């Protein structure tokens, strides 16, 4: 019933009750399945739009802190040592940050 109505080849007359039932059924299904998807998408857009720049600035500040404190270094091993948090090794911390850092603002 939907395909002929969409492509314009519907010959029969559809009653008002059938149209109302069809609209109610498709609307209810859409709201049930897509509401969480729409909310998730909206949250993602807001986070990227509003917080992406803050995450990027924080990431740059953290990387500069790793490189410059207590003195400047270019050695990757030293950067990994400085990135360690408590008992979590530096490469694990850097890997976690790299995996969760936003790549676009």
C-alpha atoms as a PDB file:
ATOM      1  CA  UNK A   1       0.000   0.000   0.000  1.00  0.00           C
ATOM      2  CA  UNK A   2       2.840   2.440   0.745  1.00  0.00           C
ATOM      3  CA  UNK A   3       4.917   1.859  -2.410  1.00  0.00           C
ATOM      4  CA  UNK A   4       2.081   2.535  -4.873  1.00  0.00           C
ATOM      5  CA  UNK A   5       1.186   5.641  -2.919  1.00  0.00           C
ATOM      6  CA  UNK A   6       4.769   6.871  -3.104  1.00  0.00           C
ATOM      7  CA  UNK A   7       5.341   6.281  -6.791  1.00  0.00           C
ATOM      8  CA  UNK A   8       1.885   7.567  -7.815  1.00  0.00           C
ATOM      9  CA  UNK A   9       0.386   4.335  -9.143  1.00  0.00           C
ATOM     10  CA  UNK A  10      -2.238   3.937  -6.428  1.00  0.00           C
ATOM     11  CA  UNK A  11      -5.581   3.335  -8.155  1.00  0.00           C
ATOM     12  CA  UNK A  12      -7.810   2.477  -5.249  1.00  0.00           C
ATOM     13  CA  UNK A  13      -9.283   4.929  -2.802  1.00  0.00           C
ATOM     14  CA  UNK A  14      -7.983   4.654   0.754  1.00  0.00           C
ATOM     15  CA  UNK A  15     -10.411   5.380   3.524  1.00  0.00           C
ATOM     16  CA  UNK A  16      -9.728   8.055   6.095  1.00  0.00           C
ATOM     17  CA  UNK A  17      -9.646   5.419   8.850  1.00  0.00           C
ATOM     18  CA  UNK A  18      -6.968   3.414   7.034  1.00  0.00           C
ATOM     19  CA  UNK A  19      -4.848   6.523   6.550  1.00  0.00           C
ATOM     20  CA  UNK A  20      -5.247   7.475  10.210  1.00  0.00           C
ATOM     21  CA  UNK A  21      -4.285   3.969  11.349  1.00  0.00           C
ATOM     22  CA  UNK A  22      -1.294   3.891   9.019  1.00  0.00           C
ATOM     23  CA  UNK A  23      -0.110   7.321  10.167  1.00  0.00           C
ATOM     24  CA  UNK A  24      -0.524   6.389  13.827  1.00  0.00           C
ATOM     25  CA  UNK A  25       1.340   3.106  13.404  1.00  0.00           C
ATOM     26  CA  UNK A  26       4.260   4.559  11.483  1.00  0.00           C
ATOM     27  CA  UNK A  27       4.485   7.579  13.782  1.00  0.00           C
ATOM     28  CA  UNK A  28       4.490   5.438  16.903  1.00  0.00           C
ATOM     29  CA  UNK A  29       7.157   3.130  15.492  1.00  0.00           C
ATOM     30  CA  UNK A  30       9.315   6.077  14.454  1.00  0.00           C
ATOM     31  CA  UNK A  31       9.097   7.710  17.872  1.00  0.00           C
ATOM     32  CA  UNK A  32       9.861   4.481  19.698  1.00  0.00           C
ATOM     33  CA  UNK A  33      12.921   3.566  17.669  1.00  0.00           C
ATOM     34  CA  UNK A  34      14.383   6.930  16.718  1.00  0.00           C
ATOM     35  CA  UNK A  35      13.975   9.043  19.833  1.00  0.00           C
ATOM     36  CA  UNK A  36      17.092   7.646  21.480  1.00  0.00           C
ATOM     37  CA  UNK A  37      19.002   7.919  18.192  1.00  0.00           C
ATOM     38  CA  UNK A  38      17.941  11.536  17.774  1.00  0.00           C
ATOM     39  CA  UNK A  39      18.926  12.360  21.359  1.00  0.00           C
ATOM     40  CA  UNK A  40      22.292  10.665  20.930  1.00  0.00           C
ATOM     41  CA  UNK A  41      22.904  12.561  17.687  1.00  0.00           C
ATOM     42  CA  UNK A  42      21.883  15.873  19.284  1.00  0.00           C
ATOM     43  CA  UNK A  43      24.185  15.222  22.237  1.00  0.00           C
ATOM     44  CA  UNK A  44      27.064  14.454  19.882  1.00  0.00           C
ATOM     45  CA  UNK A  45      26.469  17.642  17.920  1.00  0.00           C
ATOM     46  CA  UNK A  46      26.391  19.725  21.094  1.00  0.00           C
ATOM     47  CA  UNK A  47      29.542  18.133  22.479  1.00  0.00           C
ATOM     48  CA  UNK A  48      31.422  18.653  19.219  1.00  0.00           C
ATOM     49  CA  UNK A  49      30.139  22.187  18.769  1.00  0.00           C
ATOM     50  CA  UNK A  50      30.525  23.425  22.342  1.00  0.00           C
ATOM     51  CA  UNK A  51      33.102  21.241  24.023  1.00  0.00           C
ATOM     52  CA  UNK A  52      35.328  20.182  21.132  1.00  0.00           C
ATOM     53  CA  UNK A  53      37.396  23.342  21.350  1.00  0.00           C
ATOM     54  CA  UNK A  54      37.770  22.958  25.108  1.00  0.00           C
ATOM     55  CA  UNK A  55      38.933  19.355  24.695  1.00  0.00           C
ATOM     56  CA  UNK A  56      41.418  20.427  22.010  1.00  0.00           C
ATOM     57  CA  UNK A  57      42.872  23.217  24.189  1.00  0.00           C
ATOM     58  CA  UNK A  58      43.126  20.842  27.146  1.00  0.00           C
ATOM     59  CA  UNK A  59      44.870  18.233  24.992  1.00  0.00           C
ATOM     60  CA  UNK A  60      47.406  20.764  23.699  1.00  0.00           C
ATOM     61  CA  UNK A  61      48.057  22.048  27.240  1.00  0.00           C
ATOM     62  CA  UNK A  62      48.584  18.482  28.496  1.00  0.00           C
ATOM     63  CA  UNK A  63      51.007  17.698  25.664  1.00  0.00           C
ATOM     64  CA  UNK A  64      52.952  20.902  26.345  1.00  0.00           C
ATOM     65  CA  UNK A  65      53.086  20.039  30.041  1.00  0.00           C
ATOM     66  CA  UNK A  66      54.501  16.613  29.213  1.00  0.00           C
ATOM     67  CA  UNK A  67      57.162  18.150  27.012  1.00  0.00           C
ATOM     68  CA  UNK A  68      58.169  21.171  29.104  1.00  0.00           C
ATOM     69  CA  UNK A  69      57.986  20.105  32.753  1.00  0.00           C
ATOM     70  CA  UNK A  70      60.368  20.073  34.607  1.00  0.00           C
ATOM     71  CA  UNK A  71      62.631  20.807  31.607  1.00  0.00           C
ATOM     72  CA  UNK A  72      62.180  20.597  27.838  1.00  0.00           C
ATOM     73  CA  UNK A  73      62.796  17.241  26.147  1.00  0.00           C
ATOM     74  CA  UNK A  74      62.371  15.632  22.759  1.00  0.00           C
ATOM     75  CA  UNK A  75      62.837  12.022  23.878  1.00  0.00           C
ATOM     76  CA  UNK A  76      59.694   9.925  23.501  1.00  0.00           C
ATOM     77  CA  UNK A  77      60.695   7.672  26.405  1.00  0.00           C
ATOM     78  CA  UNK A  78      60.801  10.652  28.763  1.00  0.00           C
ATOM     79  CA  UNK A  79      57.383  11.822  27.549  1.00  0.00           C
ATOM     80  CA  UNK A  80      55.938   8.379  28.270  1.00  0.00           C
ATOM     81  CA  UNK A  81      57.477   8.412  31.753  1.00  0.00           C
ATOM     82  CA  UNK A  82      55.945  11.810  32.437  1.00  0.00           C
ATOM     83  CA  UNK A  83      52.535  10.663  31.186  1.00  0.00           C
ATOM     84  CA  UNK A  84      52.308   7.884  33.776  1.00  0.00           C
ATOM     85  CA  UNK A  85      49.498   8.266  36.311  1.00  0.00           C
ATOM     86  CA  UNK A  86      50.015   6.451  39.626  1.00  0.00           C
ATOM     87  CA  UNK A  87      50.542   2.783  38.663  1.00  0.00           C
ATOM     88  CA  UNK A  88      49.232   3.150  35.101  1.00  0.00           C
ATOM     89  CA  UNK A  89      52.186   3.244  32.681  1.00  0.00           C
ATOM     90  CA  UNK A  90      52.653   6.218  30.363  1.00  0.00           C
ATOM     91  CA  UNK A  91      52.029   4.367  27.066  1.00  0.00           C
ATOM     92  CA  UNK A  92      48.646   3.188  28.388  1.00  0.00           C
ATOM     93  CA  UNK A  93      47.688   6.727  29.404  1.00  0.00           C
ATOM     94  CA  UNK A  94      48.806   8.167  26.051  1.00  0.00           C
ATOM     95  CA  UNK A  95      46.929   5.412  24.220  1.00  0.00           C
ATOM     96  CA  UNK A  96      43.766   6.107  26.206  1.00  0.00           C
ATOM     97  CA  UNK A  97      44.011   9.849  25.571  1.00  0.00           C
ATOM     98  CA  UNK A  98      44.706   9.308  21.865  1.00  0.00           C
ATOM     99  CA  UNK A  99      41.728   6.950  21.594  1.00  0.00           C
ATOM    100  CA  UNK A 100      39.296   9.274  23.388  1.00  0.00           C
ATOM    101  CA  UNK A 101      40.527  12.652  22.122  1.00  0.00           C
ATOM    102  CA  UNK A 102      38.217  14.370  19.641  1.00  0.00           C
ATOM    103  CA  UNK A 103      39.795  14.555  16.207  1.00  0.00           C
ATOM    104  CA  UNK A 104      37.616  17.379  14.904  1.00  0.00           C
ATOM    105  CA  UNK A 105      36.036  20.421  16.437  1.00  0.00           C
END
